[in-house]
Amino acid sequence: MQHNWLLYIAAFASAFAITLVTTPLAKWISIKCGAIDYPKDRGVHKKPMPRMGGVAIVLGFTITVLMVFYFDKSMSTKQFVGFLTGALLIAGLGVLDDMKNLPAKLKFCVQIVAALIVIFSGTQIQVVLWPVTAALQKFSIPITLIWIVGVTNAVNLIDGLDGLAAGVSSIAALSLMVLCIMTGSNTAVVLTAALAGACLGFLPRNFNPAEIFMGDTGSTFLGFVLAVTSILGVFKGYALLAVSVSVLCLGLPVFDTIFAMLRRMAKHQPIMQPDRGHLHHRLIDRGFTQRQAVLILYAVSLCLGCLAIFISFKDSRIIVVVLLTVILLSFIIYYFNVHVKHKSK
């Protein structure tokens, strides 16, 4: 399949430049709207910070994909409108949440609506698993819904340190971009290139010491776009391997979220209740600086992204290595979540 490399580079560069330039604007808007993150017990910051920097990411990505769609209409208009409508609904919800701290149940309901808009515009996971494909196809809509809402919240949950969500999302987007190039999905390549560019354009002002946070505006938007682009590209290209490949690309937020849910269930706490048990918190409590903890988690994300790319070659030896890596990562996260005590103790 022919690839328009110039278009991919232009999408990345455009999103990067727009986000980089509009981040100071997002900071000004945050201050004017009162979207300020004040120090809290489970946080790691000691001073108030503007927290609606995600506006710049949304602008960088949205303006870029609108320009690309004008020149390249390989994605159906119905799918594109559905995707963009859902993404902007998530972004709007994030803006309100950053200003007003909306109830978790309300946010969850709006996320479901946004996911359903995408689903009924024609973007769904086509389940292809062994001899039970026909039986599983009827669950395509609920599986797609769970995937989109789950990844949206997973990225939101890891947004706890300077530059963590932006860096991890850019690594995930670039990993998905490589996989989409391999599957021949031009539309998904453009979307992931634009998303990676937007994340990296925001990172200079978000890396430690940060001068602005992306807030729910940015983190939920990133999660939503990553979830949908993985469906448009990876899920349509690898059939049996699609689930494992996609989960590995988004491995850090997915695994951390699963363990957070299990931890809260074990403690009989509400699943949506925030706590200080995430992997990045554990690294900080273990004595690592913010920069060290973030770089460690970048490395973990990069390794998982590379493993996802390797497994797409369908070599059985690589699959064994991936499985062992996932098991090892699971034990590491379990260790930090259960056995590591706060340094103060």
Protein backbone atom coordinates (compact mmCIF):
# COMPACT_ATOMS: atom_id res chain seq x y z
CA MET A 1 0.00 0.00 0.00
CA GLN A 2 1.26 3.49 -0.86
CA HIS A 3 2.04 5.75 2.08
CA ASN A 4 1.95 9.54 1.93
CA TRP A 5 5.04 10.17 4.06
CA LEU A 6 4.92 13.92 3.44
CA LEU A 7 1.38 14.01 4.85
CA TYR A 8 2.46 12.07 7.95
CA ILE A 9 5.37 14.42 8.60
CA ALA A 10 3.17 17.46 7.98
CA ALA A 11 0.55 16.16 10.46
CA PHE A 12 3.18 15.62 13.15
CA ALA A 13 4.89 18.99 12.56
CA SER A 14 1.64 20.93 12.39
CA ALA A 15 0.26 19.48 15.62
CA PHE A 16 3.60 20.00 17.36
CA ALA A 17 3.88 23.65 16.29
CA ILE A 18 0.26 24.59 17.05
CA THR A 19 0.39 22.98 20.51
CA LEU A 20 3.75 24.55 21.32
CA VAL A 21 2.52 28.02 20.36
CA THR A 22 -0.90 27.77 22.05
CA THR A 23 0.31 26.35 25.40
CA PRO A 24 0.92 29.85 26.85
CA LEU A 25 -2.62 30.74 25.70
CA ALA A 26 -3.95 27.68 27.51
CA LYS A 27 -2.09 28.80 30.63
CA TRP A 28 -3.68 32.25 30.41
CA ILE A 29 -7.15 30.73 29.89
CA SER A 30 -6.63 28.45 32.91
CA ILE A 31 -5.81 31.37 35.17
CA LYS A 32 -8.70 33.50 33.86
CA CYS A 33 -11.19 30.61 34.29
CA GLY A 34 -9.92 29.66 37.74
CA ALA A 35 -8.80 26.22 36.56
CA ILE A 36 -6.07 25.93 39.17
CA ASP A 37 -4.70 22.77 40.78
CA TYR A 38 -4.06 23.46 44.46
CA PRO A 39 -1.74 21.28 46.59
CA LYS A 40 -3.43 18.20 48.08
CA ASP A 41 -2.45 15.29 50.29
CA ARG A 42 -2.01 12.71 47.53
CA GLY A 43 -0.32 15.20 45.19
CA VAL A 44 3.38 15.93 44.76
CA HIS A 45 3.22 19.69 44.15
CA LYS A 46 3.55 22.41 46.74
CA LYS A 47 2.17 25.39 44.86
CA PRO A 48 -0.96 26.17 42.81
CA MET A 49 -0.66 25.33 39.09
CA PRO A 50 -2.86 26.15 36.08
CA ARG A 51 -4.38 22.86 35.00
CA MET A 52 -6.16 23.37 31.68
CA GLY A 53 -3.14 22.97 29.41
CA GLY A 54 -4.98 20.24 27.56
CA VAL A 55 -6.70 23.01 25.61
CA ALA A 56 -3.46 23.44 23.65
CA ILE A 57 -3.30 19.69 22.89
CA VAL A 58 -6.91 19.71 21.72
CA LEU A 59 -6.27 22.74 19.48
CA GLY A 60 -3.09 21.30 18.01
CA PHE A 61 -4.65 17.94 17.23
CA THR A 62 -8.06 19.19 16.05
CA ILE A 63 -6.80 21.94 13.74
CA THR A 64 -4.31 19.51 12.22
CA VAL A 65 -6.77 16.68 11.52
CA LEU A 66 -9.29 19.14 10.06
CA MET A 67 -6.64 20.40 7.63
CA VAL A 68 -5.59 16.84 6.79
CA PHE A 69 -9.17 15.71 6.23
CA TYR A 70 -9.64 18.59 3.80
CA PHE A 71 -6.77 17.29 1.65
CA ASP A 72 -7.14 13.54 2.26
CA LYS A 73 -10.63 12.05 2.62
CA SER A 74 -9.56 8.40 2.96
CA MET A 75 -11.59 8.20 6.16
CA SER A 76 -15.35 8.20 5.60
CA THR A 77 -17.03 11.49 6.46
CA LYS A 78 -19.45 9.76 8.83
CA GLN A 79 -16.63 8.10 10.76
CA PHE A 80 -14.57 11.28 10.88
CA VAL A 81 -17.46 13.42 12.11
CA GLY A 82 -18.35 10.81 14.73
CA PHE A 83 -14.77 10.56 15.95
CA LEU A 84 -14.25 14.33 16.12
CA THR A 85 -17.63 14.92 17.78
CA GLY A 86 -16.87 12.34 20.47
CA ALA A 87 -13.35 13.70 21.01
CA LEU A 88 -14.56 17.31 21.34
CA LEU A 89 -17.32 16.20 23.72
CA ILE A 90 -14.65 14.59 25.90
CA ALA A 91 -12.53 17.75 25.68
CA GLY A 92 -15.50 19.95 26.63
CA LEU A 93 -16.23 17.68 29.59
CA GLY A 94 -12.60 17.99 30.64
CA VAL A 95 -12.72 21.79 30.50
CA LEU A 96 -15.77 21.86 32.77
CA ASP A 97 -14.19 19.35 35.13
CA ASP A 98 -10.96 21.34 35.37
CA MET A 99 -13.01 24.41 36.32
CA LYS A 100 -15.76 22.88 38.47
CA ASN A 101 -14.62 19.38 39.59
CA LEU A 102 -17.61 17.47 38.21
CA PRO A 103 -18.96 14.30 39.90
CA ALA A 104 -17.34 11.06 38.71
CA LYS A 105 -20.67 9.49 37.74
CA LEU A 106 -21.56 12.42 35.48
CA LYS A 107 -18.18 12.24 33.74
CA PHE A 108 -18.55 8.49 33.27
CA CYS A 109 -21.98 8.92 31.67
CA VAL A 110 -20.72 11.58 29.24
CA GLN A 111 -17.77 9.36 28.33
CA ILE A 112 -20.21 6.57 27.46
CA VAL A 113 -22.20 8.95 25.25
CA ALA A 114 -19.01 10.08 23.46
CA ALA A 115 -17.97 6.46 22.90
CA LEU A 116 -21.42 5.55 21.54
CA ILE A 117 -21.23 8.45 19.06
CA VAL A 118 -18.00 6.95 17.72
CA ILE A 119 -19.43 3.42 17.68
CA PHE A 120 -22.60 4.30 15.80
CA SER A 121 -20.65 6.36 13.28
CA GLY A 122 -19.11 3.08 12.13
CA THR A 123 -15.98 2.62 14.25
CA GLN A 124 -16.16 -0.71 16.07
CA ILE A 125 -13.87 -3.52 17.12
CA GLN A 126 -14.49 -6.45 14.81
CA VAL A 127 -13.93 -9.46 17.06
CA VAL A 128 -11.90 -12.19 15.38
CA LEU A 129 -11.05 -14.96 17.83
CA TRP A 130 -10.57 -18.60 16.93
CA PRO A 131 -13.72 -20.51 15.89
CA VAL A 132 -16.15 -18.37 17.90
CA THR A 133 -16.05 -15.25 15.73
CA ALA A 134 -19.75 -15.34 14.82
CA ALA A 135 -20.78 -15.71 18.45
CA LEU A 136 -18.55 -12.86 19.59
CA GLN A 137 -19.57 -10.40 16.89
CA LYS A 138 -22.80 -9.65 18.74
CA PHE A 139 -20.63 -8.29 21.57
CA SER A 140 -18.77 -5.91 19.26
CA ILE A 141 -20.53 -2.79 20.57
CA PRO A 142 -20.08 -3.47 24.31
CA ILE A 143 -16.45 -4.55 23.77
CA THR A 144 -15.74 -1.34 21.84
CA LEU A 145 -17.51 0.73 24.50
CA ILE A 146 -15.48 -0.84 27.32
CA TRP A 147 -12.24 -0.34 25.39
CA ILE A 148 -12.84 3.36 24.61
CA VAL A 149 -14.09 4.32 28.08
CA GLY A 150 -11.45 2.16 29.77
CA VAL A 151 -8.48 3.64 27.90
CA THR A 152 -9.88 7.17 28.32
CA ASN A 153 -9.83 6.76 32.10
CA ALA A 154 -6.57 4.80 32.14
CA VAL A 155 -4.60 7.70 30.65
CA ASN A 156 -6.36 10.09 33.01
CA LEU A 157 -5.27 8.03 36.03
CA ILE A 158 -1.56 8.14 35.19
CA ASP A 159 -1.56 11.94 34.94
CA GLY A 160 0.07 12.39 38.34
CA LEU A 161 3.61 13.64 37.66
CA ASP A 162 5.08 16.39 35.50
CA GLY A 163 5.23 15.20 31.90
CA LEU A 164 4.10 11.63 32.63
CA ALA A 165 0.81 11.49 30.71
CA ALA A 166 2.13 13.57 27.80
CA GLY A 167 5.30 11.49 27.45
CA VAL A 168 3.63 8.10 27.84
CA SER A 169 0.87 9.10 25.41
CA SER A 170 3.41 10.27 22.82
CA ILE A 171 5.27 6.95 23.11
CA ALA A 172 1.99 5.03 22.78
CA ALA A 173 0.95 7.16 19.79
CA LEU A 174 4.27 6.61 18.02
CA SER A 175 4.09 2.86 18.69
CA LEU A 176 0.56 2.75 17.29
CA MET A 177 1.72 4.83 14.31
CA VAL A 178 4.37 2.23 13.41
CA LEU A 179 1.80 -0.57 13.72
CA CYS A 180 -0.69 1.36 11.59
CA ILE A 181 1.98 1.86 8.92
CA MET A 182 2.44 -1.92 8.92
CA THR A 183 -1.29 -2.58 8.60
CA GLY A 184 -1.68 0.00 5.84
CA SER A 185 -4.20 2.22 7.64
CA ASN A 186 -3.31 5.70 6.33
CA THR A 187 -6.01 7.46 8.33
CA ALA A 188 -4.85 5.95 11.62
CA VAL A 189 -1.22 6.84 10.79
CA VAL A 190 -2.15 10.50 10.31
CA LEU A 191 -4.18 10.58 13.54
CA THR A 192 -1.43 8.98 15.63
CA ALA A 193 1.23 11.23 14.05
CA ALA A 194 -0.86 14.31 14.91
CA LEU A 195 -1.45 13.05 18.45
CA ALA A 196 2.25 12.37 19.02
CA GLY A 197 3.08 15.83 17.71
CA ALA A 198 0.53 17.47 20.01
CA CYS A 199 1.87 15.59 23.06
CA LEU A 200 5.49 16.49 22.32
CA GLY A 201 4.53 20.10 21.63
CA PHE A 202 3.03 20.33 25.12
CA LEU A 203 5.88 18.53 26.88
CA PRO A 204 8.44 21.42 27.04
CA ARG A 205 6.20 23.37 29.44
CA ASN A 206 4.87 20.27 31.21
CA PHE A 207 8.09 18.38 31.99
CA ASN A 208 9.49 18.80 35.48
CA PRO A 209 9.52 21.49 36.73
CA ALA A 210 6.18 22.03 35.03
CA GLU A 211 4.61 25.44 34.56
CA ILE A 212 1.21 24.04 33.51
CA PHE A 213 -0.75 20.77 33.82
CA MET A 214 -2.84 19.25 31.03
CA GLY A 215 -5.72 18.49 33.45
CA ASP A 216 -8.67 16.27 32.59
CA THR A 217 -9.05 18.32 29.39
CA GLY A 218 -5.83 16.83 28.08
CA SER A 219 -5.58 13.42 29.74
CA THR A 220 -9.10 12.19 28.90
CA PHE A 221 -8.80 13.59 25.36
CA LEU A 222 -5.51 11.75 24.84
CA GLY A 223 -6.97 8.50 26.17
CA PHE A 224 -10.05 8.80 23.97
CA VAL A 225 -8.05 9.49 20.80
CA LEU A 226 -5.59 6.67 21.53
CA ALA A 227 -8.46 4.23 22.05
CA VAL A 228 -10.24 5.17 18.81
CA THR A 229 -7.10 5.25 16.66
CA SER A 230 -6.12 1.79 17.89
CA ILE A 231 -9.49 0.53 16.64
CA LEU A 232 -9.10 2.28 13.28
CA GLY A 233 -5.59 0.90 12.75
CA VAL A 234 -4.41 -1.99 14.89
CA PHE A 235 -7.66 -3.87 15.52
CA LYS A 236 -8.41 -3.93 11.81
CA GLY A 237 -5.04 -5.34 10.88
CA TYR A 238 -3.97 -8.08 13.24
CA ALA A 239 -7.08 -10.12 14.07
CA LEU A 240 -5.91 -12.64 16.69
CA LEU A 241 -3.02 -10.45 17.85
CA ALA A 242 -4.99 -7.20 17.94
CA VAL A 243 -5.91 -7.29 21.62
CA SER A 244 -2.43 -8.12 22.89
CA VAL A 245 -0.75 -5.64 20.54
CA SER A 246 -3.09 -2.78 21.49
CA VAL A 247 -2.88 -3.51 25.21
CA LEU A 248 0.92 -3.56 25.05
CA CYS A 249 1.03 -0.20 23.23
CA LEU A 250 -1.03 1.27 26.06
CA GLY A 251 0.49 -1.09 28.62
CA LEU A 252 1.47 1.31 31.40
CA PRO A 253 -1.90 3.07 31.84
CA VAL A 254 -3.84 -0.17 31.24
CA PHE A 255 -1.89 -2.27 33.78
CA ASP A 256 -1.78 0.53 36.35
CA THR A 257 -5.55 1.03 36.06
CA ILE A 258 -6.28 -2.70 36.41
CA PHE A 259 -4.17 -2.92 39.55
CA ALA A 260 -5.75 0.27 40.92
CA MET A 261 -9.22 -1.27 40.51
CA LEU A 262 -8.12 -4.55 42.14
CA ARG A 263 -6.46 -2.66 44.99
CA ARG A 264 -9.55 -0.57 45.70
CA MET A 265 -11.85 -3.60 45.49
CA ALA A 266 -9.63 -5.45 47.97
CA LYS A 267 -9.86 -2.50 50.36
CA HIS A 268 -13.64 -2.20 49.78
CA GLN A 269 -13.20 1.31 48.39
CA PRO A 270 -15.12 2.88 45.49
CA ILE A 271 -13.36 2.02 42.22
CA MET A 272 -13.41 5.66 41.08
CA GLN A 273 -12.05 7.01 44.38
CA PRO A 274 -8.61 8.67 43.92
CA ASP A 275 -5.73 7.36 46.04
CA ARG A 276 -1.97 7.46 46.30
CA GLY A 277 -1.35 3.88 45.25
CA HIS A 278 -0.46 4.32 41.58
CA LEU A 279 2.92 3.19 40.34
CA HIS A 280 4.21 6.74 39.93
CA HIS A 281 3.24 7.54 43.53
CA ARG A 282 5.04 4.41 44.73
CA LEU A 283 8.20 5.41 42.91
CA ILE A 284 8.11 8.85 44.53
CA ASP A 285 7.49 7.31 47.97
CA ARG A 286 10.41 5.00 47.30
CA GLY A 287 12.72 7.99 47.11
CA PHE A 288 12.92 8.72 43.38
CA THR A 289 12.65 12.30 42.20
CA GLN A 290 9.84 13.29 39.84
CA ARG A 291 12.20 13.30 36.87
CA GLN A 292 13.65 9.90 37.76
CA ALA A 293 10.21 8.35 38.25
CA VAL A 294 8.92 9.78 34.96
CA LEU A 295 11.98 8.61 33.02
CA ILE A 296 11.62 5.11 34.48
CA LEU A 297 8.00 4.98 33.37
CA TYR A 298 8.95 6.36 29.93
CA ALA A 299 11.38 3.44 29.63
CA VAL A 300 8.69 0.95 30.64
CA SER A 301 6.28 2.42 28.06
CA LEU A 302 8.95 2.37 25.35
CA CYS A 303 9.77 -1.28 26.07
CA LEU A 304 6.11 -2.25 25.91
CA GLY A 305 5.63 -0.30 22.68
CA CYS A 306 8.63 -2.04 21.10
CA LEU A 307 7.32 -5.43 22.25
CA ALA A 308 3.97 -4.63 20.64
CA ILE A 309 5.74 -3.91 17.36
CA PHE A 310 7.84 -7.08 17.63
CA ILE A 311 4.85 -9.28 18.38
CA SER A 312 3.14 -8.03 15.22
CA PHE A 313 5.73 -10.00 13.25
CA LYS A 314 4.00 -13.14 14.58
CA ASP A 315 7.18 -14.91 15.65
CA SER A 316 6.38 -17.46 18.36
CA ARG A 317 9.65 -16.79 20.17
CA ILE A 318 8.83 -13.10 20.42
CA ILE A 319 5.36 -13.92 21.74
CA VAL A 320 6.92 -15.98 24.55
CA VAL A 321 9.22 -13.06 25.44
CA VAL A 322 6.25 -10.68 25.46
CA LEU A 323 4.24 -12.94 27.77
CA LEU A 324 7.16 -13.23 30.18
CA THR A 325 7.61 -9.45 30.10
CA VAL A 326 3.94 -8.86 30.87
CA ILE A 327 4.11 -11.29 33.79
CA LEU A 328 7.25 -9.59 35.11
CA LEU A 329 5.67 -6.14 34.77
CA SER A 330 2.58 -7.37 36.61
CA PHE A 331 4.71 -8.58 39.52
CA ILE A 332 6.61 -5.28 39.62
CA ILE A 333 3.39 -3.25 39.77
CA TYR A 334 1.99 -5.64 42.39
CA TYR A 335 5.14 -5.20 44.48
CA PHE A 336 4.93 -1.43 44.44
CA ASN A 337 1.20 -1.41 45.13
CA VAL A 338 1.21 -3.91 47.99
CA HIS A 339 4.62 -4.28 49.61
CA VAL A 340 6.32 -0.91 49.33
CA LYS A 341 5.77 1.20 52.45
CA HIS A 342 5.92 4.96 52.51
CA LYS A 343 9.40 6.23 53.18
CA SER A 344 8.12 8.23 56.11
CA LYS A 345 7.19 4.98 57.87
